[in-house]
Amino acid sequence: MLFELTNMIIFIIFLCMHTMLNAVLSESRFKLSSAHSKPEYDNKYEVENAIEIYQAKFVMECGIKCVSNTRCLSFFYNNLTGMCILHSDPFTYTVMSSATKGWKFYLSQERAGRCLVNLFYYRELDLCYKFETPILVSLVHEDFVCPGSELMRIDSNERQDYIKLVTADIGGVYSLGICIQGKETDGKWMYNDGSTMEYFSWEPNEPSGDSNIIIMFRKNQHKWRNPSVTNTCTYMCEYRSPN
């Protein structure tokens, strides 16, 4: 398969032990990613918020479709009907609403290159991230939080919308908001590296001044607020490329 030079990618796909390995050679670097079947999701699938839906003769073809799309992080394939559904959601906190025989779910993960091990990689936003379990709000800025990485930085509508998508059903696991990066210093909100925050999605009457912490409040369209330091939140970490 040929592409324009700026989009050229060569795919080599192996299917073995329920793991699809994708060797991706681009202009800039060699990357190895894998698409793992998740047996606990067998016979379940999701159409809502799909990137694209295809007919594919083989699961490898579905995998190639996913690797070819920078928004694709996971896919469903039905070996009885040949239907292939691409998603940008790893379905960690998202419920699959449909069930029919023949479906398998595959989760993509980069194995070399941009991300640290065990982080999801959403190529469209060049975002390496993972979900973490609840913590006291008062501790989110401590050094032991997100070792080797940092709290999730929300600096655009695209990031805000993506985090909203992948945490849509987090309430089914944790009935909490999501702590994100940001501290107020000398009247300005700053990121951990000292740069000034310019993007915000505050609730009305926020920031309240109740703390020096930002939480995305899921029950109100993931709008932001200042939580009390006595609260608990879940959180997300991201790994940013060294400059």
C-alpha atoms as a PDB file:
ATOM      1  CA  MET A   1       0.000   0.000   0.000  1.00  0.00           C
ATOM      2  CA  LEU A   2       1.410   3.398  -1.025  1.00  0.00           C
ATOM      3  CA  PHE A   3       0.884   6.713   0.714  1.00  0.00           C
ATOM      4  CA  GLU A   4       2.043  10.269   0.165  1.00  0.00           C
ATOM      5  CA  LEU A   5       5.633  10.633   1.365  1.00  0.00           C
ATOM      6  CA  THR A   6       4.596  12.686   4.399  1.00  0.00           C
ATOM      7  CA  ASN A   7       2.173   9.975   5.492  1.00  0.00           C
ATOM      8  CA  MET A   8       4.155   6.912   4.462  1.00  0.00           C
ATOM      9  CA  ILE A   9       3.853   4.010   6.884  1.00  0.00           C
ATOM     10  CA  ILE A  10       4.880   0.401   6.362  1.00  0.00           C
ATOM     11  CA  PHE A  11       2.957  -2.157   8.369  1.00  0.00           C
ATOM     12  CA  ILE A  12       4.064  -5.658   9.328  1.00  0.00           C
ATOM     13  CA  ILE A  13       1.446  -7.462  11.349  1.00  0.00           C
ATOM     14  CA  PHE A  14       1.752 -10.736  13.224  1.00  0.00           C
ATOM     15  CA  LEU A  15      -1.131 -12.412  15.022  1.00  0.00           C
ATOM     16  CA  CYS A  16       0.032 -14.732  17.799  1.00  0.00           C
ATOM     17  CA  MET A  17      -1.283 -15.666  21.242  1.00  0.00           C
ATOM     18  CA  HIS A  18      -4.114 -13.109  20.961  1.00  0.00           C
ATOM     19  CA  THR A  19      -1.621 -10.297  20.423  1.00  0.00           C
ATOM     20  CA  MET A  20      -1.318  -8.305  17.217  1.00  0.00           C
ATOM     21  CA  LEU A  21       2.107  -6.690  16.855  1.00  0.00           C
ATOM     22  CA  ASN A  22       2.416  -3.714  14.548  1.00  0.00           C
ATOM     23  CA  ALA A  23       5.833  -2.583  13.388  1.00  0.00           C
ATOM     24  CA  VAL A  24       5.436   0.988  12.168  1.00  0.00           C
ATOM     25  CA  LEU A  25       8.156   2.663  10.152  1.00  0.00           C
ATOM     26  CA  SER A  26       7.655   6.382   9.609  1.00  0.00           C
ATOM     27  CA  GLU A  27       9.879   9.128   8.247  1.00  0.00           C
ATOM     28  CA  SER A  28      11.033  10.134  11.711  1.00  0.00           C
ATOM     29  CA  ARG A  29      11.484   6.893  13.635  1.00  0.00           C
ATOM     30  CA  PHE A  30      10.706   3.231  14.054  1.00  0.00           C
ATOM     31  CA  LYS A  31       7.858   2.450  16.450  1.00  0.00           C
ATOM     32  CA  LEU A  32       6.534  -0.844  17.761  1.00  0.00           C
ATOM     33  CA  SER A  33       2.978  -1.071  19.006  1.00  0.00           C
ATOM     34  CA  SER A  34       0.731  -3.939  19.951  1.00  0.00           C
ATOM     35  CA  ALA A  35      -2.991  -4.599  19.913  1.00  0.00           C
ATOM     36  CA  HIS A  36      -3.975  -6.985  22.659  1.00  0.00           C
ATOM     37  CA  SER A  37      -7.213  -8.922  22.726  1.00  0.00           C
ATOM     38  CA  LYS A  38      -9.078  -8.490  26.028  1.00  0.00           C
ATOM     39  CA  PRO A  39     -11.012 -11.772  26.582  1.00  0.00           C
ATOM     40  CA  GLU A  40     -13.092 -10.251  29.396  1.00  0.00           C
ATOM     41  CA  TYR A  41     -14.797  -8.113  26.738  1.00  0.00           C
ATOM     42  CA  ASP A  42     -15.616 -10.981  24.354  1.00  0.00           C
ATOM     43  CA  ASN A  43     -19.007 -10.611  22.639  1.00  0.00           C
ATOM     44  CA  LYS A  44     -19.314  -6.977  23.720  1.00  0.00           C
ATOM     45  CA  TYR A  45     -18.940  -3.926  21.495  1.00  0.00           C
ATOM     46  CA  GLU A  46     -19.677  -0.212  21.210  1.00  0.00           C
ATOM     47  CA  VAL A  47     -20.836   1.883  18.279  1.00  0.00           C
ATOM     48  CA  GLU A  48     -21.422   5.205  20.039  1.00  0.00           C
ATOM     49  CA  ASN A  49     -18.541   7.668  19.579  1.00  0.00           C
ATOM     50  CA  ALA A  50     -16.852   5.368  17.038  1.00  0.00           C
ATOM     51  CA  ILE A  51     -14.247   6.965  14.785  1.00  0.00           C
ATOM     52  CA  GLU A  52     -15.166   4.802  11.799  1.00  0.00           C
ATOM     53  CA  ILE A  53     -16.914   1.519  10.991  1.00  0.00           C
ATOM     54  CA  TYR A  54     -15.596  -0.784   8.253  1.00  0.00           C
ATOM     55  CA  GLN A  55     -16.138  -4.193   6.703  1.00  0.00           C
ATOM     56  CA  ALA A  56     -12.860  -6.128   6.942  1.00  0.00           C
ATOM     57  CA  LYS A  57     -12.082  -9.657   5.763  1.00  0.00           C
ATOM     58  CA  PHE A  58      -9.615 -10.332   8.573  1.00  0.00           C
ATOM     59  CA  VAL A  59      -8.810  -8.954  12.005  1.00  0.00           C
ATOM     60  CA  MET A  60      -5.352  -7.964  10.676  1.00  0.00           C
ATOM     61  CA  GLU A  61      -7.053  -5.655   8.167  1.00  0.00           C
ATOM     62  CA  CYS A  62      -8.973  -4.071  11.030  1.00  0.00           C
ATOM     63  CA  GLY A  63      -5.693  -3.643  12.909  1.00  0.00           C
ATOM     64  CA  ILE A  64      -4.106  -1.899   9.932  1.00  0.00           C
ATOM     65  CA  LYS A  65      -7.080   0.473   9.775  1.00  0.00           C
ATOM     66  CA  CYS A  66      -6.495   1.351  13.415  1.00  0.00           C
ATOM     67  CA  VAL A  67      -2.735   1.904  13.047  1.00  0.00           C
ATOM     68  CA  SER A  68      -3.423   4.078   9.980  1.00  0.00           C
ATOM     69  CA  ASN A  69      -5.685   6.405  11.968  1.00  0.00           C
ATOM     70  CA  THR A  70      -4.015   8.714  14.513  1.00  0.00           C
ATOM     71  CA  ARG A  71      -7.260   8.884  16.493  1.00  0.00           C
ATOM     72  CA  CYS A  72      -7.490   5.107  16.959  1.00  0.00           C
ATOM     73  CA  LEU A  73      -6.537   3.602  20.318  1.00  0.00           C
ATOM     74  CA  SER A  74      -8.722   0.482  20.280  1.00  0.00           C
ATOM     75  CA  PHE A  75     -10.989  -1.493  17.992  1.00  0.00           C
ATOM     76  CA  PHE A  76     -13.701  -4.133  17.941  1.00  0.00           C
ATOM     77  CA  TYR A  77     -13.776  -6.874  15.331  1.00  0.00           C
ATOM     78  CA  ASN A  78     -16.557  -9.375  14.701  1.00  0.00           C
ATOM     79  CA  ASN A  79     -15.173 -12.565  13.132  1.00  0.00           C
ATOM     80  CA  LEU A  80     -18.674 -13.668  12.080  1.00  0.00           C
ATOM     81  CA  THR A  81     -19.736 -10.513  10.232  1.00  0.00           C
ATOM     82  CA  GLY A  82     -16.391  -8.875   9.432  1.00  0.00           C
ATOM     83  CA  MET A  83     -17.429  -5.595  11.021  1.00  0.00           C
ATOM     84  CA  CYS A  84     -14.565  -3.436  12.315  1.00  0.00           C
ATOM     85  CA  ILE A  85     -15.203  -0.526  14.697  1.00  0.00           C
ATOM     86  CA  LEU A  86     -12.426   1.949  15.515  1.00  0.00           C
ATOM     87  CA  HIS A  87     -12.370   3.976  18.749  1.00  0.00           C
ATOM     88  CA  SER A  88     -10.176   6.570  20.443  1.00  0.00           C
ATOM     89  CA  ASP A  89     -11.193   5.248  23.878  1.00  0.00           C
ATOM     90  CA  PRO A  90      -9.285   2.502  25.784  1.00  0.00           C
ATOM     91  CA  PHE A  91     -12.568   1.626  27.549  1.00  0.00           C
ATOM     92  CA  THR A  92     -11.006   1.697  30.983  1.00  0.00           C
ATOM     93  CA  TYR A  93     -13.835   3.831  32.367  1.00  0.00           C
ATOM     94  CA  THR A  94     -16.354   3.492  29.559  1.00  0.00           C
ATOM     95  CA  VAL A  95     -19.130   0.900  29.547  1.00  0.00           C
ATOM     96  CA  MET A  96     -19.737  -1.154  26.391  1.00  0.00           C
ATOM     97  CA  SER A  97     -23.455  -0.902  25.736  1.00  0.00           C
ATOM     98  CA  SER A  98     -24.031  -3.713  23.188  1.00  0.00           C
ATOM     99  CA  ALA A  99     -23.517  -7.475  23.152  1.00  0.00           C
ATOM    100  CA  THR A 100     -23.612  -9.999  20.290  1.00  0.00           C
ATOM    101  CA  LYS A 101     -21.662 -13.170  19.485  1.00  0.00           C
ATOM    102  CA  GLY A 102     -18.427 -12.918  17.529  1.00  0.00           C
ATOM    103  CA  TRP A 103     -17.016  -9.664  18.889  1.00  0.00           C
ATOM    104  CA  LYS A 104     -13.505  -9.235  20.231  1.00  0.00           C
ATOM    105  CA  PHE A 105     -11.949  -6.071  21.647  1.00  0.00           C
ATOM    106  CA  TYR A 106      -8.332  -5.057  20.941  1.00  0.00           C
ATOM    107  CA  LEU A 107      -6.453  -2.389  22.857  1.00  0.00           C
ATOM    108  CA  SER A 108      -3.493  -0.696  21.201  1.00  0.00           C
ATOM    109  CA  GLN A 109      -0.355   0.139  23.139  1.00  0.00           C
ATOM    110  CA  GLU A 110       2.941   1.598  21.995  1.00  0.00           C
ATOM    111  CA  ARG A 111       5.890  -0.647  22.848  1.00  0.00           C
ATOM    112  CA  ALA A 112       8.800   1.569  21.849  1.00  0.00           C
ATOM    113  CA  GLY A 113       9.280   5.254  21.236  1.00  0.00           C
ATOM    114  CA  ARG A 114       7.084   8.067  22.527  1.00  0.00           C
ATOM    115  CA  CYS A 115       5.505   6.669  25.731  1.00  0.00           C
ATOM    116  CA  LEU A 116       6.625   5.035  28.926  1.00  0.00           C
ATOM    117  CA  VAL A 117       5.573   1.409  29.453  1.00  0.00           C
ATOM    118  CA  ASN A 118       1.923   0.860  30.415  1.00  0.00           C
ATOM    119  CA  LEU A 119       0.689   4.241  29.218  1.00  0.00           C
ATOM    120  CA  PHE A 120      -1.993   4.672  26.585  1.00  0.00           C
ATOM    121  CA  TYR A 121      -0.906   6.658  23.528  1.00  0.00           C
ATOM    122  CA  TYR A 122      -3.437   8.844  21.745  1.00  0.00           C
ATOM    123  CA  ARG A 123      -1.518   9.882  18.662  1.00  0.00           C
ATOM    124  CA  GLU A 124      -3.932  12.582  17.507  1.00  0.00           C
ATOM    125  CA  LEU A 125      -2.990  14.735  20.529  1.00  0.00           C
ATOM    126  CA  ASP A 126       0.463  13.183  21.059  1.00  0.00           C
ATOM    127  CA  LEU A 127      -0.769  12.244  24.525  1.00  0.00           C
ATOM    128  CA  CYS A 128       0.720   9.491  26.703  1.00  0.00           C
ATOM    129  CA  TYR A 129      -1.454   8.893  29.744  1.00  0.00           C
ATOM    130  CA  LYS A 130      -2.779   6.512  32.379  1.00  0.00           C
ATOM    131  CA  PHE A 131      -5.521   6.430  34.980  1.00  0.00           C
ATOM    132  CA  GLU A 132      -4.815   6.291  38.705  1.00  0.00           C
ATOM    133  CA  THR A 133      -6.811   5.354  41.792  1.00  0.00           C
ATOM    134  CA  PRO A 134      -8.294   7.914  44.239  1.00  0.00           C
ATOM    135  CA  ILE A 135      -6.151  10.090  46.437  1.00  0.00           C
ATOM    136  CA  LEU A 136      -6.738  12.875  48.962  1.00  0.00           C
ATOM    137  CA  VAL A 137      -6.968  16.198  47.155  1.00  0.00           C
ATOM    138  CA  SER A 138      -4.394  17.630  49.554  1.00  0.00           C
ATOM    139  CA  LEU A 139      -1.770  15.202  48.207  1.00  0.00           C
ATOM    140  CA  VAL A 140      -2.078  15.683  44.452  1.00  0.00           C
ATOM    141  CA  HIS A 141       0.889  18.079  44.223  1.00  0.00           C
ATOM    142  CA  GLU A 142       3.234  15.813  46.183  1.00  0.00           C
ATOM    143  CA  ASP A 143       6.327  14.411  44.439  1.00  0.00           C
ATOM    144  CA  PHE A 144       5.217  10.785  44.786  1.00  0.00           C
ATOM    145  CA  VAL A 145       2.157  11.421  42.590  1.00  0.00           C
ATOM    146  CA  CYS A 146       2.774  10.462  38.946  1.00  0.00           C
ATOM    147  CA  PRO A 147       6.418   9.323  39.335  1.00  0.00           C
ATOM    148  CA  GLY A 148       8.315   9.784  36.091  1.00  0.00           C
ATOM    149  CA  SER A 149       5.402  11.756  34.666  1.00  0.00           C
ATOM    150  CA  GLU A 150       3.043  14.519  35.810  1.00  0.00           C
ATOM    151  CA  LEU A 151      -0.608  15.281  36.455  1.00  0.00           C
ATOM    152  CA  MET A 152      -2.714  15.590  33.338  1.00  0.00           C
ATOM    153  CA  ARG A 153      -2.443  19.016  31.727  1.00  0.00           C
ATOM    154  CA  ILE A 154      -5.624  20.325  30.094  1.00  0.00           C
ATOM    155  CA  ASP A 155      -4.658  23.174  27.787  1.00  0.00           C
ATOM    156  CA  SER A 156      -7.153  23.005  24.916  1.00  0.00           C
ATOM    157  CA  ASN A 157     -10.731  22.168  24.019  1.00  0.00           C
ATOM    158  CA  GLU A 158      -9.418  19.061  22.267  1.00  0.00           C
ATOM    159  CA  ARG A 159      -7.809  17.724  25.437  1.00  0.00           C
ATOM    160  CA  GLN A 160     -10.810  18.668  27.555  1.00  0.00           C
ATOM    161  CA  ASP A 161     -13.150  16.830  25.167  1.00  0.00           C
ATOM    162  CA  TYR A 162     -10.903  13.774  24.966  1.00  0.00           C
ATOM    163  CA  ILE A 163     -10.625  13.388  28.756  1.00  0.00           C
ATOM    164  CA  LYS A 164     -14.378  13.817  28.982  1.00  0.00           C
ATOM    165  CA  LEU A 165     -14.801  10.997  26.428  1.00  0.00           C
ATOM    166  CA  VAL A 166     -12.489   8.462  28.077  1.00  0.00           C
ATOM    167  CA  THR A 167     -13.810   9.084  31.592  1.00  0.00           C
ATOM    168  CA  ALA A 168     -17.496   9.125  30.646  1.00  0.00           C
ATOM    169  CA  ASP A 169     -18.410   6.250  32.974  1.00  0.00           C
ATOM    170  CA  ILE A 170     -15.773   6.658  35.659  1.00  0.00           C
ATOM    171  CA  GLY A 171     -18.653   7.153  38.107  1.00  0.00           C
ATOM    172  CA  GLY A 172     -19.360   3.456  37.794  1.00  0.00           C
ATOM    173  CA  VAL A 173     -15.998   2.822  39.454  1.00  0.00           C
ATOM    174  CA  TYR A 174     -15.221   5.992  41.434  1.00  0.00           C
ATOM    175  CA  SER A 175     -17.856   8.525  42.398  1.00  0.00           C
ATOM    176  CA  LEU A 176     -15.308  11.325  42.325  1.00  0.00           C
ATOM    177  CA  GLY A 177     -13.986  14.210  40.307  1.00  0.00           C
ATOM    178  CA  ILE A 178     -10.656  14.105  38.472  1.00  0.00           C
ATOM    179  CA  CYS A 179      -7.737  16.202  39.740  1.00  0.00           C
ATOM    180  CA  ILE A 180      -5.700  17.859  36.991  1.00  0.00           C
ATOM    181  CA  GLN A 181      -2.593  20.026  36.810  1.00  0.00           C
ATOM    182  CA  GLY A 182      -2.638  23.667  37.914  1.00  0.00           C
ATOM    183  CA  LYS A 183      -1.631  25.864  40.882  1.00  0.00           C
ATOM    184  CA  GLU A 184      -2.338  29.509  41.653  1.00  0.00           C
ATOM    185  CA  THR A 185       0.821  31.579  42.162  1.00  0.00           C
ATOM    186  CA  ASP A 186       0.781  35.350  42.664  1.00  0.00           C
ATOM    187  CA  GLY A 187      -2.752  35.583  41.324  1.00  0.00           C
ATOM    188  CA  LYS A 188      -2.060  33.483  38.212  1.00  0.00           C
ATOM    189  CA  TRP A 189      -2.721  29.833  37.520  1.00  0.00           C
ATOM    190  CA  MET A 190       0.447  28.000  36.506  1.00  0.00           C
ATOM    191  CA  TYR A 191       1.455  24.575  35.211  1.00  0.00           C
ATOM    192  CA  ASN A 192       4.091  22.545  37.041  1.00  0.00           C
ATOM    193  CA  ASP A 193       6.845  23.836  34.749  1.00  0.00           C
ATOM    194  CA  GLY A 194       6.059  27.446  35.688  1.00  0.00           C
ATOM    195  CA  SER A 195       4.298  28.385  32.448  1.00  0.00           C
ATOM    196  CA  THR A 196       1.067  30.381  32.703  1.00  0.00           C
ATOM    197  CA  MET A 197      -2.232  28.606  32.131  1.00  0.00           C
ATOM    198  CA  GLU A 198      -4.293  30.204  29.370  1.00  0.00           C
ATOM    199  CA  TYR A 199      -7.034  27.614  28.933  1.00  0.00           C
ATOM    200  CA  PHE A 200      -9.761  27.170  31.568  1.00  0.00           C
ATOM    201  CA  SER A 201     -13.153  25.504  31.817  1.00  0.00           C
ATOM    202  CA  TRP A 202     -14.383  26.754  35.172  1.00  0.00           C
ATOM    203  CA  GLU A 203     -17.871  26.273  36.566  1.00  0.00           C
ATOM    204  CA  PRO A 204     -19.789  29.494  37.282  1.00  0.00           C
ATOM    205  CA  ASN A 205     -18.426  31.269  40.395  1.00  0.00           C
ATOM    206  CA  GLU A 206     -15.140  29.390  40.163  1.00  0.00           C
ATOM    207  CA  PRO A 207     -12.311  29.463  41.080  1.00  0.00           C
ATOM    208  CA  SER A 208     -13.688  29.711  44.590  1.00  0.00           C
ATOM    209  CA  GLY A 209     -10.385  29.941  46.431  1.00  0.00           C
ATOM    210  CA  ASP A 210     -11.158  26.852  48.516  1.00  0.00           C
ATOM    211  CA  SER A 211      -7.807  25.319  47.569  1.00  0.00           C
ATOM    212  CA  ASN A 212      -4.842  25.570  45.194  1.00  0.00           C
ATOM    213  CA  ILE A 213      -6.073  22.546  43.241  1.00  0.00           C
ATOM    214  CA  ILE A 214      -8.200  22.040  40.122  1.00  0.00           C
ATOM    215  CA  ILE A 215     -10.711  19.229  39.792  1.00  0.00           C
ATOM    216  CA  MET A 216     -12.837  18.302  36.781  1.00  0.00           C
ATOM    217  CA  PHE A 217     -16.356  17.832  38.096  1.00  0.00           C
ATOM    218  CA  ARG A 218     -17.873  15.039  36.015  1.00  0.00           C
ATOM    219  CA  LYS A 219     -21.455  15.666  37.079  1.00  0.00           C
ATOM    220  CA  ASN A 220     -21.388  19.082  35.430  1.00  0.00           C
ATOM    221  CA  GLN A 221     -19.932  18.363  31.987  1.00  0.00           C
ATOM    222  CA  HIS A 222     -16.409  18.018  33.407  1.00  0.00           C
ATOM    223  CA  LYS A 223     -16.304  21.707  34.310  1.00  0.00           C
ATOM    224  CA  TRP A 224     -13.568  22.792  36.727  1.00  0.00           C
ATOM    225  CA  ARG A 225     -13.742  23.885  40.343  1.00  0.00           C
ATOM    226  CA  ASN A 226     -11.579  24.432  43.424  1.00  0.00           C
ATOM    227  CA  PRO A 227     -12.283  21.473  45.726  1.00  0.00           C
ATOM    228  CA  SER A 228     -11.868  21.461  49.463  1.00  0.00           C
ATOM    229  CA  VAL A 229      -8.561  19.892  50.516  1.00  0.00           C
ATOM    230  CA  THR A 230     -10.539  17.381  52.582  1.00  0.00           C
ATOM    231  CA  ASN A 231     -12.054  15.897  49.413  1.00  0.00           C
ATOM    232  CA  THR A 232     -10.847  12.857  47.472  1.00  0.00           C
ATOM    233  CA  CYS A 233     -10.309  12.681  43.727  1.00  0.00           C
ATOM    234  CA  THR A 234      -9.123  10.252  41.129  1.00  0.00           C
ATOM    235  CA  TYR A 235      -6.461  11.546  38.752  1.00  0.00           C
ATOM    236  CA  MET A 236      -4.674  10.989  35.465  1.00  0.00           C
ATOM    237  CA  CYS A 237      -0.959  11.155  34.711  1.00  0.00           C
ATOM    238  CA  GLU A 238       0.724  12.045  31.443  1.00  0.00           C
ATOM    239  CA  TYR A 239       4.233  11.724  30.109  1.00  0.00           C
ATOM    240  CA  ARG A 240       5.404  14.736  28.109  1.00  0.00           C
ATOM    241  CA  SER A 241       8.208  14.514  25.586  1.00  0.00           C
ATOM    242  CA  PRO A 242      11.481  16.069  26.805  1.00  0.00           C
ATOM    243  CA  ASN A 243      12.160  19.324  24.971  1.00  0.00           C
END
